[in-house]
Amino acid sequence: MKRIIFQNESGGLSVIIPTESVELALKDVPEGVPYEIVEDDAIPADRFFRNAWVANGAAVDVDLDKAKDIGHDKRRAQRAEEFKPYDEVIMKQIPGADNAAAEEARQQIRFKYALIQDVIEAAETPDEIKSALEGA
């Protein structure tokens, strides 16, 4: 099945999946915007870096810099989730809670995610970024 791809005004890649015919679906491409008609297998099956997709002729590539930005956003979200139980202890100063142990756990989380940040920055492929995040 065919797909229509084009770079949209916000810098992302739009993918139109025709419901009837490609010709009929072309009305949805903004006027004057270059587009390509591609086979559906040209669209990556893995949508992890969907917001980093860019058109490269009749192919879809992943912009590595955008993928790194996405990776950092996901890394920050994962880190925040791991911090939550310790943040409660530190923030509320719960009597009888071991604040020192909570702060030590937070420091270990900081160290772990600093290493992941370094891997993301050094990554040469989107797969390396994804692997770093999945190993978190």
C-alpha atoms as a PDB file:
ATOM      1  CA  MET A   1       0.000   0.000   0.000  1.00  0.00           C
ATOM      2  CA  LYS A   2       1.209   3.500  -0.796  1.00  0.00           C
ATOM      3  CA  ARG A   3       1.814   6.363   1.632  1.00  0.00           C
ATOM      4  CA  ILE A   4       2.377  10.070   1.043  1.00  0.00           C
ATOM      5  CA  ILE A   5       5.154  11.734   3.046  1.00  0.00           C
ATOM      6  CA  PHE A   6       6.139  15.380   3.367  1.00  0.00           C
ATOM      7  CA  GLN A   7       7.915  17.659   5.826  1.00  0.00           C
ATOM      8  CA  ASN A   8       5.334  19.737   7.663  1.00  0.00           C
ATOM      9  CA  GLU A   9       5.683  23.350   8.740  1.00  0.00           C
ATOM     10  CA  SER A  10       6.714  22.400  12.290  1.00  0.00           C
ATOM     11  CA  GLY A  11       9.674  20.375  10.990  1.00  0.00           C
ATOM     12  CA  GLY A  12       8.127  16.959  11.505  1.00  0.00           C
ATOM     13  CA  LEU A  13       7.273  14.373   8.912  1.00  0.00           C
ATOM     14  CA  SER A  14       3.644  13.957   7.953  1.00  0.00           C
ATOM     15  CA  VAL A  15       2.477  10.579   6.700  1.00  0.00           C
ATOM     16  CA  ILE A  16      -0.810  10.319   4.870  1.00  0.00           C
ATOM     17  CA  ILE A  17      -2.385   6.888   4.612  1.00  0.00           C
ATOM     18  CA  PRO A  18      -4.834   6.999   1.710  1.00  0.00           C
ATOM     19  CA  THR A  19      -8.210   5.426   2.442  1.00  0.00           C
ATOM     20  CA  GLU A  20      -9.258   5.222  -1.184  1.00  0.00           C
ATOM     21  CA  SER A  21      -6.677   6.320  -3.726  1.00  0.00           C
ATOM     22  CA  VAL A  22      -3.359   8.128  -3.591  1.00  0.00           C
ATOM     23  CA  GLU A  23      -4.621  10.682  -6.075  1.00  0.00           C
ATOM     24  CA  LEU A  24      -7.588  11.520  -3.861  1.00  0.00           C
ATOM     25  CA  ALA A  25      -5.362  11.769  -0.779  1.00  0.00           C
ATOM     26  CA  LEU A  26      -3.040  14.276  -2.468  1.00  0.00           C
ATOM     27  CA  LYS A  27      -5.604  16.983  -1.664  1.00  0.00           C
ATOM     28  CA  ASP A  28      -4.386  16.747   1.951  1.00  0.00           C
ATOM     29  CA  VAL A  29      -0.826  17.776   1.054  1.00  0.00           C
ATOM     30  CA  PRO A  30      -0.467  21.543   1.561  1.00  0.00           C
ATOM     31  CA  GLU A  31      -0.159  23.452  -1.675  1.00  0.00           C
ATOM     32  CA  GLY A  32       3.411  23.979  -2.842  1.00  0.00           C
ATOM     33  CA  VAL A  33       4.892  21.465  -0.364  1.00  0.00           C
ATOM     34  CA  PRO A  34       7.108  18.807  -1.956  1.00  0.00           C
ATOM     35  CA  TYR A  35       5.975  15.260  -1.254  1.00  0.00           C
ATOM     36  CA  GLU A  36       6.866  11.683  -2.098  1.00  0.00           C
ATOM     37  CA  ILE A  37       4.660   8.685  -2.693  1.00  0.00           C
ATOM     38  CA  VAL A  38       6.309   5.704  -1.021  1.00  0.00           C
ATOM     39  CA  GLU A  39       5.566   2.077  -0.242  1.00  0.00           C
ATOM     40  CA  ASP A  40       4.382   1.454   3.303  1.00  0.00           C
ATOM     41  CA  ASP A  41       7.586  -0.438   4.113  1.00  0.00           C
ATOM     42  CA  ALA A  42       9.511   2.842   3.660  1.00  0.00           C
ATOM     43  CA  ILE A  43       7.909   4.022   6.910  1.00  0.00           C
ATOM     44  CA  PRO A  44       9.764   2.724   9.994  1.00  0.00           C
ATOM     45  CA  ALA A  45       7.773   0.147  11.955  1.00  0.00           C
ATOM     46  CA  ASP A  46       9.384   1.343  15.199  1.00  0.00           C
ATOM     47  CA  ARG A  47       7.756   4.645  16.186  1.00  0.00           C
ATOM     48  CA  PHE A  48      10.071   5.312  19.159  1.00  0.00           C
ATOM     49  CA  PHE A  49      11.657   8.283  17.369  1.00  0.00           C
ATOM     50  CA  ARG A  50       8.571   9.248  15.336  1.00  0.00           C
ATOM     51  CA  ASN A  51       9.098  12.962  16.036  1.00  0.00           C
ATOM     52  CA  ALA A  52      12.626  12.737  14.614  1.00  0.00           C
ATOM     53  CA  TRP A  53      11.615  11.305  11.233  1.00  0.00           C
ATOM     54  CA  VAL A  54      12.691  13.239   8.141  1.00  0.00           C
ATOM     55  CA  ALA A  55      12.028  12.647   4.469  1.00  0.00           C
ATOM     56  CA  ASN A  56      15.054  11.659   2.432  1.00  0.00           C
ATOM     57  CA  GLY A  57      13.656  11.317  -1.056  1.00  0.00           C
ATOM     58  CA  ALA A  58      11.483   8.216  -1.031  1.00  0.00           C
ATOM     59  CA  ALA A  59      12.971   7.054   2.283  1.00  0.00           C
ATOM     60  CA  VAL A  60      12.315   8.016   5.883  1.00  0.00           C
ATOM     61  CA  ASP A  61      15.362   8.611   8.054  1.00  0.00           C
ATOM     62  CA  VAL A  62      15.776   9.515  11.715  1.00  0.00           C
ATOM     63  CA  ASP A  63      17.424  12.873  12.395  1.00  0.00           C
ATOM     64  CA  LEU A  64      20.071  11.966  14.992  1.00  0.00           C
ATOM     65  CA  ASP A  65      20.057  15.361  16.741  1.00  0.00           C
ATOM     66  CA  LYS A  66      16.265  15.267  17.116  1.00  0.00           C
ATOM     67  CA  ALA A  67      16.511  11.651  18.320  1.00  0.00           C
ATOM     68  CA  LYS A  68      19.019  12.731  20.970  1.00  0.00           C
ATOM     69  CA  ASP A  69      16.634  15.470  22.135  1.00  0.00           C
ATOM     70  CA  ILE A  70      13.848  12.882  22.386  1.00  0.00           C
ATOM     71  CA  GLY A  71      16.205  10.539  24.231  1.00  0.00           C
ATOM     72  CA  HIS A  72      17.098  13.244  26.757  1.00  0.00           C
ATOM     73  CA  ASP A  73      13.410  14.019  27.338  1.00  0.00           C
ATOM     74  CA  LYS A  74      12.692  10.333  27.968  1.00  0.00           C
ATOM     75  CA  ARG A  75      15.773  10.060  30.211  1.00  0.00           C
ATOM     76  CA  ARG A  76      14.589  12.998  32.318  1.00  0.00           C
ATOM     77  CA  ALA A  77      11.116  11.479  32.662  1.00  0.00           C
ATOM     78  CA  GLN A  78      12.536   8.101  33.711  1.00  0.00           C
ATOM     79  CA  ARG A  79      14.841   9.763  36.230  1.00  0.00           C
ATOM     80  CA  ALA A  80      11.956  11.774  37.707  1.00  0.00           C
ATOM     81  CA  GLU A  81       9.943   8.571  38.197  1.00  0.00           C
ATOM     82  CA  GLU A  82      12.835   6.919  40.032  1.00  0.00           C
ATOM     83  CA  PHE A  83      13.306  10.010  42.219  1.00  0.00           C
ATOM     84  CA  LYS A  84       9.650  10.177  43.346  1.00  0.00           C
ATOM     85  CA  PRO A  85       9.735   7.883  46.399  1.00  0.00           C
ATOM     86  CA  TYR A  86      12.936   9.505  47.683  1.00  0.00           C
ATOM     87  CA  ASP A  87      11.733  13.027  46.956  1.00  0.00           C
ATOM     88  CA  GLU A  88       8.793  12.380  49.288  1.00  0.00           C
ATOM     89  CA  VAL A  89      11.118  11.421  52.145  1.00  0.00           C
ATOM     90  CA  ILE A  90      13.407  14.414  51.611  1.00  0.00           C
ATOM     91  CA  MET A  91      10.643  16.939  50.957  1.00  0.00           C
ATOM     92  CA  LYS A  92       8.334  15.964  53.820  1.00  0.00           C
ATOM     93  CA  GLN A  93      11.116  15.294  56.341  1.00  0.00           C
ATOM     94  CA  ILE A  94       9.143  12.307  57.589  1.00  0.00           C
ATOM     95  CA  PRO A  95      10.042  11.498  61.211  1.00  0.00           C
ATOM     96  CA  GLY A  96      11.764   8.163  61.536  1.00  0.00           C
ATOM     97  CA  ALA A  97      12.629   8.068  57.832  1.00  0.00           C
ATOM     98  CA  ASP A  98      16.256   7.674  56.922  1.00  0.00           C
ATOM     99  CA  ASN A  99      16.933  10.931  55.059  1.00  0.00           C
ATOM    100  CA  ALA A 100      20.581  10.034  54.548  1.00  0.00           C
ATOM    101  CA  ALA A 101      19.638   6.740  52.867  1.00  0.00           C
ATOM    102  CA  ALA A 102      17.107   8.547  50.680  1.00  0.00           C
ATOM    103  CA  GLU A 103      19.722  11.091  49.618  1.00  0.00           C
ATOM    104  CA  GLU A 104      22.231   8.308  48.906  1.00  0.00           C
ATOM    105  CA  ALA A 105      19.642   6.562  46.713  1.00  0.00           C
ATOM    106  CA  ARG A 106      18.992   9.833  44.885  1.00  0.00           C
ATOM    107  CA  GLN A 107      22.726  10.248  44.289  1.00  0.00           C
ATOM    108  CA  GLN A 108      22.925   6.745  42.783  1.00  0.00           C
ATOM    109  CA  ILE A 109      20.040   7.644  40.465  1.00  0.00           C
ATOM    110  CA  ARG A 110      21.823  10.854  39.448  1.00  0.00           C
ATOM    111  CA  PHE A 111      24.981   8.879  38.679  1.00  0.00           C
ATOM    112  CA  LYS A 112      23.070   6.263  36.655  1.00  0.00           C
ATOM    113  CA  TYR A 113      21.338   8.872  34.514  1.00  0.00           C
ATOM    114  CA  ALA A 114      24.515  10.914  34.041  1.00  0.00           C
ATOM    115  CA  LEU A 115      26.034   7.828  32.427  1.00  0.00           C
ATOM    116  CA  ILE A 116      22.962   7.410  30.217  1.00  0.00           C
ATOM    117  CA  GLN A 117      23.240  11.086  29.250  1.00  0.00           C
ATOM    118  CA  ASP A 118      26.834  10.504  28.156  1.00  0.00           C
ATOM    119  CA  VAL A 119      25.817   7.478  26.064  1.00  0.00           C
ATOM    120  CA  ILE A 120      23.063   9.475  24.367  1.00  0.00           C
ATOM    121  CA  GLU A 121      25.437  12.323  23.558  1.00  0.00           C
ATOM    122  CA  ALA A 122      28.022   9.934  22.106  1.00  0.00           C
ATOM    123  CA  ALA A 123      25.474   7.860  20.159  1.00  0.00           C
ATOM    124  CA  GLU A 124      25.989   7.527  16.446  1.00  0.00           C
ATOM    125  CA  THR A 125      22.699   5.745  15.744  1.00  0.00           C
ATOM    126  CA  PRO A 126      19.148   5.964  17.066  1.00  0.00           C
ATOM    127  CA  ASP A 127      19.425   2.315  18.162  1.00  0.00           C
ATOM    128  CA  GLU A 128      22.249   3.233  20.555  1.00  0.00           C
ATOM    129  CA  ILE A 129      20.032   5.904  22.128  1.00  0.00           C
ATOM    130  CA  LYS A 130      17.116   3.515  22.473  1.00  0.00           C
ATOM    131  CA  SER A 131      19.329   0.799  23.984  1.00  0.00           C
ATOM    132  CA  ALA A 132      20.675   3.219  26.599  1.00  0.00           C
ATOM    133  CA  LEU A 133      17.146   4.172  27.627  1.00  0.00           C
ATOM    134  CA  GLU A 134      15.867   0.600  27.711  1.00  0.00           C
ATOM    135  CA  GLY A 135      18.743  -0.416  29.959  1.00  0.00           C
ATOM    136  CA  ALA A 136      17.791   2.216  32.532  1.00  0.00           C
END
